[in-house]
Structure formats: structure tokens, C-alpha cells
Amino acid sequence: MHFRANPYFDHNVLTKSYRYNDDDDIIAIETTKIEWKENKNPTKVSKKKKAKKGKKSTGEVVWEDVDSFFNIFKDPLPEDDHYLTEAKDEAEFFREDLIPNSMEYYLDIMGDGEDFVY
């Protein structure tokens, strides 16, 4: 995916690659590691840590993960069967649906999966 200059990261291109073996099994997943600018990571949100009952708050800030489109570029998890199944479903969606029908998705004219709605 190509990006214009933006206040979140310096990359112009983010990639995610899936490598398959001859049996059509995923053997490797490679992603661009995004180097976020300071406090500009949309995959995390800051929250003040709550003080325990009867204690003063230290004002400490903790960062929590949130859902984001950019999570698809996070480093792959260890290769377990569940993760590989999800990765294969994701790769098939990109290869067989999203890329060939990208204009339809962009124009929001995709139907219920059976026919296009114009």
C-alpha cells in the first residue's frame, strides 16, 4: 500500500507478503515494521493508570492496544495452526476478493457476496 507524506509515519510503502509452498500452505509472512512518530500510533491509546483504593494517583500513563487497520502490519504471531488458518483466510481475501474488486469496494457497491449492487 502506498501512502502520501503524513504525520503518523515516514514510510511511503507498507507491504505484507505471504509465501506459500507447493501444497498451497503458508510458510512465511513478512510485513513492513511501521516506525510510528511520537504519540502518533493509532493502534494504541493512552490512559491514566488508576490508583488503588486509598492510594494517591501517580499520574502514570499506560498504553493499550486497540483495533486498527494498521494491525495487519504487526509482526506475525508464532506459527500455530489457528494463526496460520486466519492468515490463510486473510491472504485469500486479499488475493481473490479485495484486489480484483478494489474499485467496487472503494465505491461501496459490493453486494452480499453473490452479485454486485449498482
PDB file of N, CA and C in Angstrom:
ATOM      1  N   MET A   1       0.845  -1.159   0.000  1.00  0.00           N
ATOM      2  CA  MET A   1       0.000   0.000   0.000  1.00  0.00           C
ATOM      3  C   MET A   1       0.897   1.230   0.000  1.00  0.00           C
ATOM      4  N   HIS A   2       0.525   2.172  -0.822  1.00  0.00           N
ATOM      5  CA  HIS A   2       1.308   3.394  -0.965  1.00  0.00           C
ATOM      6  C   HIS A   2       0.627   4.523  -0.193  1.00  0.00           C
ATOM      7  N   PHE A   3       1.437   5.334   0.474  1.00  0.00           N
ATOM      8  CA  PHE A   3       0.923   6.430   1.287  1.00  0.00           C
ATOM      9  C   PHE A   3       1.625   7.730   0.920  1.00  0.00           C
ATOM     10  N   ARG A   4       0.887   8.808   1.029  1.00  0.00           N
ATOM     11  CA  ARG A   4       1.479  10.145   0.896  1.00  0.00           C
ATOM     12  C   ARG A   4       2.147  10.500   2.216  1.00  0.00           C
ATOM     13  N   ALA A   5       2.914  11.578   2.207  1.00  0.00           N
ATOM     14  CA  ALA A   5       3.517  12.067   3.446  1.00  0.00           C
ATOM     15  C   ALA A   5       2.389  12.321   4.451  1.00  0.00           C
ATOM     16  N   ASN A   6       2.624  11.926   5.690  1.00  0.00           N
ATOM     17  CA  ASN A   6       1.583  12.062   6.712  1.00  0.00           C
ATOM     18  C   ASN A   6       2.229  12.279   8.073  1.00  0.00           C
ATOM     19  N   PRO A   7       1.450  12.708   9.074  1.00  0.00           N
ATOM     20  CA  PRO A   7       2.022  12.999  10.396  1.00  0.00           C
ATOM     21  C   PRO A   7       2.207  11.759  11.274  1.00  0.00           C
ATOM     22  N   TYR A   8       1.910  10.552  10.763  1.00  0.00           N
ATOM     23  CA  TYR A   8       1.944   9.352  11.586  1.00  0.00           C
ATOM     24  C   TYR A   8       3.213   8.517  11.418  1.00  0.00           C
ATOM     25  N   PHE A   9       3.695   8.357  10.195  1.00  0.00           N
ATOM     26  CA  PHE A   9       4.914   7.588   9.940  1.00  0.00           C
ATOM     27  C   PHE A   9       5.579   8.105   8.674  1.00  0.00           C
ATOM     28  N   ASP A  10       6.856   7.752   8.485  1.00  0.00           N
ATOM     29  CA  ASP A  10       7.620   8.259   7.344  1.00  0.00           C
ATOM     30  C   ASP A  10       7.586   7.349   6.120  1.00  0.00           C
ATOM     31  N   HIS A  11       7.114   6.123   6.262  1.00  0.00           N
ATOM     32  CA  HIS A  11       7.097   5.174   5.141  1.00  0.00           C
ATOM     33  C   HIS A  11       6.214   5.683   3.998  1.00  0.00           C
ATOM     34  N   ASN A  12       6.645   5.413   2.783  1.00  0.00           N
ATOM     35  CA  ASN A  12       5.807   5.681   1.616  1.00  0.00           C
ATOM     36  C   ASN A  12       5.054   4.432   1.204  1.00  0.00           C
ATOM     37  N   VAL A  13       5.611   3.259   1.539  1.00  0.00           N
ATOM     38  CA  VAL A  13       5.014   1.992   1.145  1.00  0.00           C
ATOM     39  C   VAL A  13       4.995   1.047   2.341  1.00  0.00           C
ATOM     40  N   LEU A  14       3.854   0.411   2.587  1.00  0.00           N
ATOM     41  CA  LEU A  14       3.738  -0.649   3.581  1.00  0.00           C
ATOM     42  C   LEU A  14       3.369  -1.922   2.832  1.00  0.00           C
ATOM     43  N   THR A  15       4.033  -3.026   3.167  1.00  0.00           N
ATOM     44  CA  THR A  15       3.761  -4.287   2.476  1.00  0.00           C
ATOM     45  C   THR A  15       3.497  -5.404   3.471  1.00  0.00           C
ATOM     46  N   LYS A  16       2.759  -6.387   2.994  1.00  0.00           N
ATOM     47  CA  LYS A  16       2.568  -7.639   3.716  1.00  0.00           C
ATOM     48  C   LYS A  16       2.618  -8.718   2.660  1.00  0.00           C
ATOM     49  N   SER A  17       3.545  -9.661   2.824  1.00  0.00           N
ATOM     50  CA  SER A  17       3.749 -10.714   1.831  1.00  0.00           C
ATOM     51  C   SER A  17       3.495 -12.069   2.456  1.00  0.00           C
ATOM     52  N   TYR A  18       2.857 -12.932   1.694  1.00  0.00           N
ATOM     53  CA  TYR A  18       2.609 -14.310   2.103  1.00  0.00           C
ATOM     54  C   TYR A  18       3.374 -15.216   1.144  1.00  0.00           C
ATOM     55  N   ARG A  19       4.149 -16.148   1.677  1.00  0.00           N
ATOM     56  CA  ARG A  19       4.826 -17.131   0.831  1.00  0.00           C
ATOM     57  C   ARG A  19       4.178 -18.489   1.073  1.00  0.00           C
ATOM     58  N   TYR A  20       3.923 -19.186  -0.029  1.00  0.00           N
ATOM     59  CA  TYR A  20       3.265 -20.488   0.007  1.00  0.00           C
ATOM     60  C   TYR A  20       4.222 -21.578  -0.444  1.00  0.00           C
ATOM     61  N   ASN A  21       3.972 -22.815   0.001  1.00  0.00           N
ATOM     62  CA  ASN A  21       4.710 -23.952  -0.536  1.00  0.00           C
ATOM     63  C   ASN A  21       3.892 -24.557  -1.684  1.00  0.00           C
ATOM     64  N   ASP A  22       4.355 -25.659  -2.233  1.00  0.00           N
ATOM     65  CA  ASP A  22       3.677 -26.290  -3.371  1.00  0.00           C
ATOM     66  C   ASP A  22       2.287 -26.820  -3.018  1.00  0.00           C
ATOM     67  N   ASP A  23       2.027 -27.073  -1.725  1.00  0.00           N
ATOM     68  CA  ASP A  23       0.719 -27.569  -1.285  1.00  0.00           C
ATOM     69  C   ASP A  23      -0.249 -26.439  -0.951  1.00  0.00           C
ATOM     70  N   ASP A  24       0.110 -25.212  -1.306  1.00  0.00           N
ATOM     71  CA  ASP A  24      -0.705 -24.024  -1.047  1.00  0.00           C
ATOM     72  C   ASP A  24      -0.857 -23.730   0.446  1.00  0.00           C
ATOM     73  N   ASP A  25       0.153 -24.096   1.237  1.00  0.00           N
ATOM     74  CA  ASP A  25       0.190 -23.766   2.662  1.00  0.00           C
ATOM     75  C   ASP A  25       1.099 -22.564   2.851  1.00  0.00           C
ATOM     76  N   ILE A  26       0.709 -21.662   3.745  1.00  0.00           N
ATOM     77  CA  ILE A  26       1.546 -20.500   4.036  1.00  0.00           C
ATOM     78  C   ILE A  26       2.764 -20.961   4.820  1.00  0.00           C
ATOM     79  N   ILE A  27       3.947 -20.592   4.340  1.00  0.00           N
ATOM     80  CA  ILE A  27       5.177 -20.966   5.044  1.00  0.00           C
ATOM     81  C   ILE A  27       5.877 -19.760   5.661  1.00  0.00           C
ATOM     82  N   ALA A  28       5.524 -18.555   5.210  1.00  0.00           N
ATOM     83  CA  ALA A  28       6.142 -17.355   5.788  1.00  0.00           C
ATOM     84  C   ALA A  28       5.265 -16.137   5.524  1.00  0.00           C
ATOM     85  N   ILE A  29       5.286 -15.215   6.480  1.00  0.00           N
ATOM     86  CA  ILE A  29       4.578 -13.944   6.350  1.00  0.00           C
ATOM     87  C   ILE A  29       5.575 -12.851   6.698  1.00  0.00           C
ATOM     88  N   GLU A  30       5.705 -11.879   5.808  1.00  0.00           N
ATOM     89  CA  GLU A  30       6.625 -10.767   6.037  1.00  0.00           C
ATOM     90  C   GLU A  30       5.842  -9.460   5.951  1.00  0.00           C
ATOM     91  N   THR A  31       6.069  -8.573   6.912  1.00  0.00           N
ATOM     92  CA  THR A  31       5.371  -7.289   6.929  1.00  0.00           C
ATOM     93  C   THR A  31       6.364  -6.152   7.127  1.00  0.00           C
ATOM     94  N   THR A  32       5.984  -4.974   6.678  1.00  0.00           N
ATOM     95  CA  THR A  32       6.776  -3.781   6.947  1.00  0.00           C
ATOM     96  C   THR A  32       6.600  -3.421   8.417  1.00  0.00           C
ATOM     97  N   LYS A  33       7.695  -3.205   9.117  1.00  0.00           N
ATOM     98  CA  LYS A  33       7.609  -2.749  10.504  1.00  0.00           C
ATOM     99  C   LYS A  33       7.413  -1.239  10.471  1.00  0.00           C
ATOM    100  N   ILE A  34       6.291  -0.799  10.992  1.00  0.00           N
ATOM    101  CA  ILE A  34       5.978   0.631  10.972  1.00  0.00           C
ATOM    102  C   ILE A  34       6.672   1.318  12.147  1.00  0.00           C
ATOM    103  N   GLU A  35       7.422   2.334  11.835  1.00  0.00           N
ATOM    104  CA  GLU A  35       8.071   3.156  12.862  1.00  0.00           C
ATOM    105  C   GLU A  35       7.191   4.387  13.063  1.00  0.00           C
ATOM    106  N   TRP A  36       6.363   4.346  14.091  1.00  0.00           N
ATOM    107  CA  TRP A  36       5.418   5.436  14.339  1.00  0.00           C
ATOM    108  C   TRP A  36       6.133   6.661  14.880  1.00  0.00           C
ATOM    109  N   LYS A  37       5.657   7.826  14.486  1.00  0.00           N
ATOM    110  CA  LYS A  37       6.165   9.065  15.076  1.00  0.00           C
ATOM    111  C   LYS A  37       5.640   9.146  16.506  1.00  0.00           C
ATOM    112  N   GLU A  38       6.296   9.938  17.320  1.00  0.00           N
ATOM    113  CA  GLU A  38       5.979  10.004  18.744  1.00  0.00           C
ATOM    114  C   GLU A  38       4.505  10.348  18.984  1.00  0.00           C
ATOM    115  N   ASN A  39       3.842   9.488  19.768  1.00  0.00           N
ATOM    116  CA  ASN A  39       2.432   9.638  20.149  1.00  0.00           C
ATOM    117  C   ASN A  39       1.483   9.687  18.955  1.00  0.00           C
ATOM    118  N   LYS A  40       1.844   9.042  17.845  1.00  0.00           N
ATOM    119  CA  LYS A  40       1.007   9.058  16.642  1.00  0.00           C
ATOM    120  C   LYS A  40       0.577   7.651  16.218  1.00  0.00           C
ATOM    121  N   ASN A  41       0.664   6.671  17.096  1.00  0.00           N
ATOM    122  CA  ASN A  41       0.330   5.296  16.764  1.00  0.00           C
ATOM    123  C   ASN A  41      -1.173   5.052  16.958  1.00  0.00           C
ATOM    124  N   PRO A  42      -1.940   4.875  15.869  1.00  0.00           N
ATOM    125  CA  PRO A  42      -3.390   4.680  16.017  1.00  0.00           C
ATOM    126  C   PRO A  42      -3.767   3.281  16.505  1.00  0.00           C
ATOM    127  N   THR A  43      -2.786   2.390  16.687  1.00  0.00           N
ATOM    128  CA  THR A  43      -3.084   1.049  17.196  1.00  0.00           C
ATOM    129  C   THR A  43      -3.018   1.006  18.718  1.00  0.00           C
ATOM    130  N   LYS A  44      -2.688   2.140  19.326  1.00  0.00           N
ATOM    131  CA  LYS A  44      -2.596   2.215  20.792  1.00  0.00           C
ATOM    132  C   LYS A  44      -3.287   3.476  21.290  1.00  0.00           C
ATOM    133  N   VAL A  45      -3.816   3.383  22.493  1.00  0.00           N
ATOM    134  CA  VAL A  45      -4.450   4.535  23.123  1.00  0.00           C
ATOM    135  C   VAL A  45      -3.864   4.678  24.530  1.00  0.00           C
ATOM    136  N   SER A  46      -3.658   5.934  24.959  1.00  0.00           N
ATOM    137  CA  SER A  46      -3.092   6.164  26.292  1.00  0.00           C
ATOM    138  C   SER A  46      -4.215   6.377  27.297  1.00  0.00           C
ATOM    139  N   LYS A  47      -3.985   5.832  28.473  1.00  0.00           N
ATOM    140  CA  LYS A  47      -4.926   6.003  29.580  1.00  0.00           C
ATOM    141  C   LYS A  47      -4.126   6.211  30.852  1.00  0.00           C
ATOM    142  N   LYS A  48      -4.676   7.041  31.736  1.00  0.00           N
ATOM    143  CA  LYS A  48      -4.015   7.228  33.028  1.00  0.00           C
ATOM    144  C   LYS A  48      -4.302   6.009  33.892  1.00  0.00           C
ATOM    145  N   LYS A  49      -3.258   5.533  34.523  1.00  0.00           N
ATOM    146  CA  LYS A  49      -3.389   4.369  35.389  1.00  0.00           C
ATOM    147  C   LYS A  49      -4.143   4.788  36.652  1.00  0.00           C
ATOM    148  N   LYS A  50      -5.152   4.005  36.990  1.00  0.00           N
ATOM    149  CA  LYS A  50      -5.949   4.322  38.179  1.00  0.00           C
ATOM    150  C   LYS A  50      -5.201   3.910  39.437  1.00  0.00           C
ATOM    151  N   ALA A  51      -5.348   4.730  40.463  1.00  0.00           N
ATOM    152  CA  ALA A  51      -4.723   4.430  41.740  1.00  0.00           C
ATOM    153  C   ALA A  51      -5.547   3.383  42.475  1.00  0.00           C
ATOM    154  N   LYS A  52      -4.865   2.548  43.251  1.00  0.00           N
ATOM    155  CA  LYS A  52      -5.571   1.553  44.057  1.00  0.00           C
ATOM    156  C   LYS A  52      -6.296   2.280  45.178  1.00  0.00           C
ATOM    157  N   LYS A  53      -7.322   1.647  45.674  1.00  0.00           N
ATOM    158  CA  LYS A  53      -8.155   2.255  46.712  1.00  0.00           C
ATOM    159  C   LYS A  53      -7.306   2.706  47.903  1.00  0.00           C
ATOM    160  N   GLY A  54      -7.483   3.959  48.266  1.00  0.00           N
ATOM    161  CA  GLY A  54      -6.776   4.512  49.414  1.00  0.00           C
ATOM    162  C   GLY A  54      -5.380   5.036  49.099  1.00  0.00           C
ATOM    163  N   LYS A  55      -4.971   4.997  47.835  1.00  0.00           N
ATOM    164  CA  LYS A  55      -3.635   5.487  47.480  1.00  0.00           C
ATOM    165  C   LYS A  55      -3.760   6.656  46.516  1.00  0.00           C
ATOM    166  N   LYS A  56      -2.732   7.500  46.488  1.00  0.00           N
ATOM    167  CA  LYS A  56      -2.703   8.637  45.577  1.00  0.00           C
ATOM    168  C   LYS A  56      -2.317   8.170  44.176  1.00  0.00           C
ATOM    169  N   SER A  57      -2.892   8.819  43.191  1.00  0.00           N
ATOM    170  CA  SER A  57      -2.548   8.509  41.800  1.00  0.00           C
ATOM    171  C   SER A  57      -1.170   9.066  41.481  1.00  0.00           C
ATOM    172  N   THR A  58      -0.383   8.297  40.765  1.00  0.00           N
ATOM    173  CA  THR A  58       0.950   8.744  40.368  1.00  0.00           C
ATOM    174  C   THR A  58       0.899   9.471  39.026  1.00  0.00           C
ATOM    175  N   GLY A  59      -0.236   9.412  38.353  1.00  0.00           N
ATOM    176  CA  GLY A  59      -0.368  10.044  37.049  1.00  0.00           C
ATOM    177  C   GLY A  59       0.305   9.255  35.942  1.00  0.00           C
ATOM    178  N   GLU A  60       0.632   7.991  36.252  1.00  0.00           N
ATOM    179  CA  GLU A  60       1.303   7.148  35.264  1.00  0.00           C
ATOM    180  C   GLU A  60       0.369   6.865  34.083  1.00  0.00           C
ATOM    181  N   VAL A  61       0.932   6.901  32.874  1.00  0.00           N
ATOM    182  CA  VAL A  61       0.173   6.647  31.657  1.00  0.00           C
ATOM    183  C   VAL A  61       0.522   5.255  31.141  1.00  0.00           C
ATOM    184  N   VAL A  62      -0.513   4.491  30.787  1.00  0.00           N
ATOM    185  CA  VAL A  62      -0.291   3.168  30.194  1.00  0.00           C
ATOM    186  C   VAL A  62      -0.861   3.178  28.779  1.00  0.00           C
ATOM    187  N   TRP A  63      -0.271   2.374  27.900  1.00  0.00           N
ATOM    188  CA  TRP A  63      -0.706   2.283  26.510  1.00  0.00           C
ATOM    189  C   TRP A  63      -1.400   0.952  26.296  1.00  0.00           C
ATOM    190  N   GLU A  64      -2.600   1.004  25.717  1.00  0.00           N
ATOM    191  CA  GLU A  64      -3.371  -0.208  25.453  1.00  0.00           C
ATOM    192  C   GLU A  64      -3.590  -0.358  23.955  1.00  0.00           C
ATOM    193  N   ASP A  65      -3.565  -1.615  23.480  1.00  0.00           N
ATOM    194  CA  ASP A  65      -3.826  -1.899  22.072  1.00  0.00           C
ATOM    195  C   ASP A  65      -5.302  -1.690  21.755  1.00  0.00           C
ATOM    196  N   VAL A  66      -5.576  -1.174  20.560  1.00  0.00           N
ATOM    197  CA  VAL A  66      -6.949  -1.014  20.074  1.00  0.00           C
ATOM    198  C   VAL A  66      -7.013  -1.543  18.643  1.00  0.00           C
ATOM    199  N   ASP A  67      -8.220  -1.837  18.178  1.00  0.00           N
ATOM    200  CA  ASP A  67      -8.397  -2.300  16.812  1.00  0.00           C
ATOM    201  C   ASP A  67      -8.049  -1.184  15.834  1.00  0.00           C
ATOM    202  N   SER A  68      -7.353  -1.568  14.765  1.00  0.00           N
ATOM    203  CA  SER A  68      -6.956  -0.607  13.750  1.00  0.00           C
ATOM    204  C   SER A  68      -6.640  -1.346  12.464  1.00  0.00           C
ATOM    205  N   PHE A  69      -6.867  -0.707  11.344  1.00  0.00           N
ATOM    206  CA  PHE A  69      -6.461  -1.242  10.049  1.00  0.00           C
ATOM    207  C   PHE A  69      -4.980  -1.596  10.062  1.00  0.00           C
ATOM    208  N   PHE A  70      -4.164  -0.808  10.714  1.00  0.00           N
ATOM    209  CA  PHE A  70      -2.715  -0.982  10.697  1.00  0.00           C
ATOM    210  C   PHE A  70      -2.258  -2.216  11.474  1.00  0.00           C
ATOM    211  N   ASN A  71      -3.148  -2.859  12.224  1.00  0.00           N
ATOM    212  CA  ASN A  71      -2.777  -4.081  12.933  1.00  0.00           C
ATOM    213  C   ASN A  71      -2.392  -5.206  11.972  1.00  0.00           C
ATOM    214  N   ILE A  72      -2.819  -5.140  10.711  1.00  0.00           N
ATOM    215  CA  ILE A  72      -2.427  -6.192   9.773  1.00  0.00           C
ATOM    216  C   ILE A  72      -0.932  -6.159   9.486  1.00  0.00           C
ATOM    217  N   PHE A  73      -0.258  -5.068   9.835  1.00  0.00           N
ATOM    218  CA  PHE A  73       1.176  -4.959   9.612  1.00  0.00           C
ATOM    219  C   PHE A  73       1.994  -5.314  10.851  1.00  0.00           C
ATOM    220  N   LYS A  74       1.341  -5.738  11.924  1.00  0.00           N
ATOM    221  CA  LYS A  74       2.087  -6.156  13.112  1.00  0.00           C
ATOM    222  C   LYS A  74       2.829  -7.440  12.804  1.00  0.00           C
ATOM    223  N   ASP A  75       3.903  -7.670  13.528  1.00  0.00           N
ATOM    224  CA  ASP A  75       4.682  -8.887  13.323  1.00  0.00           C
ATOM    225  C   ASP A  75       3.793 -10.106  13.511  1.00  0.00           C
ATOM    226  N   PRO A  76       3.975 -11.112  12.650  1.00  0.00           N
ATOM    227  CA  PRO A  76       3.177 -12.340  12.778  1.00  0.00           C
ATOM    228  C   PRO A  76       3.393 -13.013  14.127  1.00  0.00           C
ATOM    229  N   LEU A  77       2.348 -13.668  14.594  1.00  0.00           N
ATOM    230  CA  LEU A  77       2.421 -14.433  15.836  1.00  0.00           C
ATOM    231  C   LEU A  77       3.196 -15.725  15.585  1.00  0.00           C
ATOM    232  N   PRO A  78       3.551 -16.427  16.644  1.00  0.00           N
ATOM    233  CA  PRO A  78       4.203 -17.721  16.437  1.00  0.00           C
ATOM    234  C   PRO A  78       3.338 -18.613  15.549  1.00  0.00           C
ATOM    235  N   GLU A  79       3.970 -19.459  14.793  1.00  0.00           N
ATOM    236  CA  GLU A  79       3.256 -20.272  13.820  1.00  0.00           C
ATOM    237  C   GLU A  79       2.488 -21.400  14.497  1.00  0.00           C
ATOM    238  N   ASP A  80       1.249 -21.119  14.884  1.00  0.00           N
ATOM    239  CA  ASP A  80       0.373 -22.170  15.384  1.00  0.00           C
ATOM    240  C   ASP A  80      -0.746 -22.380  14.370  1.00  0.00           C
ATOM    241  N   ASP A  81      -1.463 -23.481  14.485  1.00  0.00           N
ATOM    242  CA  ASP A  81      -2.485 -23.825  13.491  1.00  0.00           C
ATOM    243  C   ASP A  81      -3.565 -22.756  13.378  1.00  0.00           C
ATOM    244  N   HIS A  82      -4.019 -22.211  14.517  1.00  0.00           N
ATOM    245  CA  HIS A  82      -5.085 -21.194  14.491  1.00  0.00           C
ATOM    246  C   HIS A  82      -4.618 -19.940  13.759  1.00  0.00           C
ATOM    247  N   TYR A  83      -3.412 -19.484  14.063  1.00  0.00           N
ATOM    248  CA  TYR A  83      -2.886 -18.282  13.412  1.00  0.00           C
ATOM    249  C   TYR A  83      -2.713 -18.505  11.920  1.00  0.00           C
ATOM    250  N   LEU A  84      -2.174 -19.652  11.526  1.00  0.00           N
ATOM    251  CA  LEU A  84      -1.959 -19.919  10.107  1.00  0.00           C
ATOM    252  C   LEU A  84      -3.281 -20.024   9.349  1.00  0.00           C
ATOM    253  N   THR A  85      -4.308 -20.562   9.990  1.00  0.00           N
ATOM    254  CA  THR A  85      -5.627 -20.629   9.354  1.00  0.00           C
ATOM    255  C   THR A  85      -6.169 -19.227   9.123  1.00  0.00           C
ATOM    256  N   GLU A  86      -6.059 -18.356  10.121  1.00  0.00           N
ATOM    257  CA  GLU A  86      -6.507 -16.968   9.971  1.00  0.00           C
ATOM    258  C   GLU A  86      -5.695 -16.244   8.902  1.00  0.00           C
ATOM    259  N   ALA A  87      -4.383 -16.480   8.877  1.00  0.00           N
ATOM    260  CA  ALA A  87      -3.524 -15.834   7.886  1.00  0.00           C
ATOM    261  C   ALA A  87      -3.886 -16.294   6.480  1.00  0.00           C
ATOM    262  N   LYS A  88      -4.192 -17.572   6.324  1.00  0.00           N
ATOM    263  CA  LYS A  88      -4.562 -18.080   5.005  1.00  0.00           C
ATOM    264  C   LYS A  88      -5.884 -17.466   4.561  1.00  0.00           C
ATOM    265  N   ASP A  89      -6.864 -17.350   5.486  1.00  0.00           N
ATOM    266  CA  ASP A  89      -8.144 -16.709   5.155  1.00  0.00           C
ATOM    267  C   ASP A  89      -7.926 -15.260   4.744  1.00  0.00           C
ATOM    268  N   GLU A  90      -7.077 -14.550   5.476  1.00  0.00           N
ATOM    269  CA  GLU A  90      -6.775 -13.157   5.162  1.00  0.00           C
ATOM    270  C   GLU A  90      -6.120 -13.042   3.785  1.00  0.00           C
ATOM    271  N   ALA A  91      -5.138 -13.891   3.525  1.00  0.00           N
ATOM    272  CA  ALA A  91      -4.432 -13.852   2.245  1.00  0.00           C
ATOM    273  C   ALA A  91      -5.381 -14.165   1.087  1.00  0.00           C
ATOM    274  N   GLU A  92      -6.252 -15.141   1.267  1.00  0.00           N
ATOM    275  CA  GLU A  92      -7.215 -15.487   0.214  1.00  0.00           C
ATOM    276  C   GLU A  92      -8.186 -14.343  -0.034  1.00  0.00           C
ATOM    277  N   PHE A  93      -8.614 -13.649   1.023  1.00  0.00           N
ATOM    278  CA  PHE A  93      -9.498 -12.498   0.858  1.00  0.00           C
ATOM    279  C   PHE A  93      -8.826 -11.429   0.009  1.00  0.00           C
ATOM    280  N   PHE A  94      -7.560 -11.113   0.330  1.00  0.00           N
ATOM    281  CA  PHE A  94      -6.838 -10.107  -0.448  1.00  0.00           C
ATOM    282  C   PHE A  94      -6.677 -10.535  -1.899  1.00  0.00           C
ATOM    283  N   ARG A  95      -6.239 -11.772  -2.099  1.00  0.00           N
ATOM    284  CA  ARG A  95      -5.903 -12.264  -3.435  1.00  0.00           C
ATOM    285  C   ARG A  95      -7.143 -12.493  -4.302  1.00  0.00           C
ATOM    286  N   GLU A  96      -8.221 -13.020  -3.721  1.00  0.00           N
ATOM    287  CA  GLU A  96      -9.363 -13.448  -4.524  1.00  0.00           C
ATOM    288  C   GLU A  96     -10.531 -12.459  -4.522  1.00  0.00           C
ATOM    289  N   ASP A  97     -10.562 -11.541  -3.557  1.00  0.00           N
ATOM    290  CA  ASP A  97     -11.727 -10.662  -3.452  1.00  0.00           C
ATOM    291  C   ASP A  97     -11.359  -9.182  -3.474  1.00  0.00           C
ATOM    292  N   LEU A  98     -10.553  -8.743  -2.534  1.00  0.00           N
ATOM    293  CA  LEU A  98     -10.278  -7.312  -2.390  1.00  0.00           C
ATOM    294  C   LEU A  98      -9.521  -6.734  -3.585  1.00  0.00           C
ATOM    295  N   ILE A  99      -8.447  -7.367  -3.990  1.00  0.00           N
ATOM    296  CA  ILE A  99      -7.650  -6.813  -5.088  1.00  0.00           C
ATOM    297  C   ILE A  99      -8.418  -6.824  -6.407  1.00  0.00           C
ATOM    298  N   PRO A 100      -9.035  -7.948  -6.821  1.00  0.00           N
ATOM    299  CA  PRO A 100      -9.774  -7.920  -8.089  1.00  0.00           C
ATOM    300  C   PRO A 100     -10.990  -6.989  -8.059  1.00  0.00           C
ATOM    301  N   ASN A 101     -11.536  -6.745  -6.877  1.00  0.00           N
ATOM    302  CA  ASN A 101     -12.745  -5.922  -6.761  1.00  0.00           C
ATOM    303  C   ASN A 101     -12.485  -4.618  -6.024  1.00  0.00           C
ATOM    304  N   SER A 102     -11.249  -4.129  -6.067  1.00  0.00           N
ATOM    305  CA  SER A 102     -10.900  -2.954  -5.265  1.00  0.00           C
ATOM    306  C   SER A 102     -11.729  -1.731  -5.607  1.00  0.00           C
ATOM    307  N   MET A 103     -12.030  -1.524  -6.875  1.00  0.00           N
ATOM    308  CA  MET A 103     -12.833  -0.356  -7.249  1.00  0.00           C
ATOM    309  C   MET A 103     -14.250  -0.485  -6.690  1.00  0.00           C
ATOM    310  N   GLU A 104     -14.809  -1.670  -6.712  1.00  0.00           N
ATOM    311  CA  GLU A 104     -16.147  -1.877  -6.168  1.00  0.00           C
ATOM    312  C   GLU A 104     -16.182  -1.607  -4.666  1.00  0.00           C
ATOM    313  N   TYR A 105     -15.125  -2.051  -3.942  1.00  0.00           N
ATOM    314  CA  TYR A 105     -15.044  -1.756  -2.508  1.00  0.00           C
ATOM    315  C   TYR A 105     -14.913  -0.254  -2.283  1.00  0.00           C
ATOM    316  N   TYR A 106     -14.067   0.388  -3.077  1.00  0.00           N
ATOM    317  CA  TYR A 106     -13.849   1.825  -2.941  1.00  0.00           C
ATOM    318  C   TYR A 106     -15.143   2.592  -3.166  1.00  0.00           C
ATOM    319  N   LEU A 107     -15.908   2.203  -4.175  1.00  0.00           N
ATOM    320  CA  LEU A 107     -17.165   2.884  -4.490  1.00  0.00           C
ATOM    321  C   LEU A 107     -18.329   2.394  -3.642  1.00  0.00           C
ATOM    322  N   ASP A 108     -18.069   1.413  -2.780  1.00  0.00           N
ATOM    323  CA  ASP A 108     -19.071   0.856  -1.876  1.00  0.00           C
ATOM    324  C   ASP A 108     -20.271   0.304  -2.647  1.00  0.00           C
ATOM    325  N   ILE A 109     -19.982  -0.472  -3.688  1.00  0.00           N
ATOM    326  CA  ILE A 109     -21.071  -1.064  -4.468  1.00  0.00           C
ATOM    327  C   ILE A 109     -21.037  -2.592  -4.398  1.00  0.00           C
ATOM    328  N   MET A 110     -20.341  -3.127  -3.393  1.00  0.00           N
ATOM    329  CA  MET A 110     -20.311  -4.582  -3.231  1.00  0.00           C
ATOM    330  C   MET A 110     -21.653  -5.042  -2.670  1.00  0.00           C
ATOM    331  N   GLY A 111     -22.137  -6.139  -3.204  1.00  0.00           N
ATOM    332  CA  GLY A 111     -23.391  -6.710  -2.728  1.00  0.00           C
ATOM    333  C   GLY A 111     -23.166  -7.632  -1.558  1.00  0.00           C
ATOM    334  N   ASP A 112     -24.021  -8.629  -1.441  1.00  0.00           N
ATOM    335  CA  ASP A 112     -23.945  -9.575  -0.322  1.00  0.00           C
ATOM    336  C   ASP A 112     -23.010 -10.752  -0.625  1.00  0.00           C
ATOM    337  N   GLY A 113     -22.162 -10.596  -1.600  1.00  0.00           N
ATOM    338  CA  GLY A 113     -21.215 -11.644  -1.941  1.00  0.00           C
ATOM    339  C   GLY A 113     -21.648 -12.469  -3.137  1.00  0.00           C
ATOM    340  N   GLU A 114     -22.925 -12.345  -3.543  1.00  0.00           N
ATOM    341  CA  GLU A 114     -23.410 -13.117  -4.679  1.00  0.00           C
ATOM    342  C   GLU A 114     -23.363 -12.309  -5.966  1.00  0.00           C
ATOM    343  N   ASP A 115     -23.832 -11.090  -5.947  1.00  0.00           N
ATOM    344  CA  ASP A 115     -23.845 -10.210  -7.111  1.00  0.00           C
ATOM    345  C   ASP A 115     -23.458  -8.800  -6.684  1.00  0.00           C
ATOM    346  N   PHE A 116     -23.032  -8.019  -7.637  1.00  0.00           N
ATOM    347  CA  PHE A 116     -22.763  -6.608  -7.370  1.00  0.00           C
ATOM    348  C   PHE A 116     -24.087  -5.855  -7.363  1.00  0.00           C
ATOM    349  N   VAL A 117     -24.159  -4.831  -6.521  1.00  0.00           N
ATOM    350  CA  VAL A 117     -25.334  -3.980  -6.460  1.00  0.00           C
ATOM    351  C   VAL A 117     -24.939  -2.621  -7.022  1.00  0.00           C
ATOM    352  N   TYR A 118     -25.598  -2.180  -8.086  1.00  0.00           N
ATOM    353  CA  TYR A 118     -25.264  -0.908  -8.714  1.00  0.00           C
ATOM    354  C   TYR A 118     -26.353   0.105  -8.455  1.00  0.00           C
TER     355      TYR A 118
END
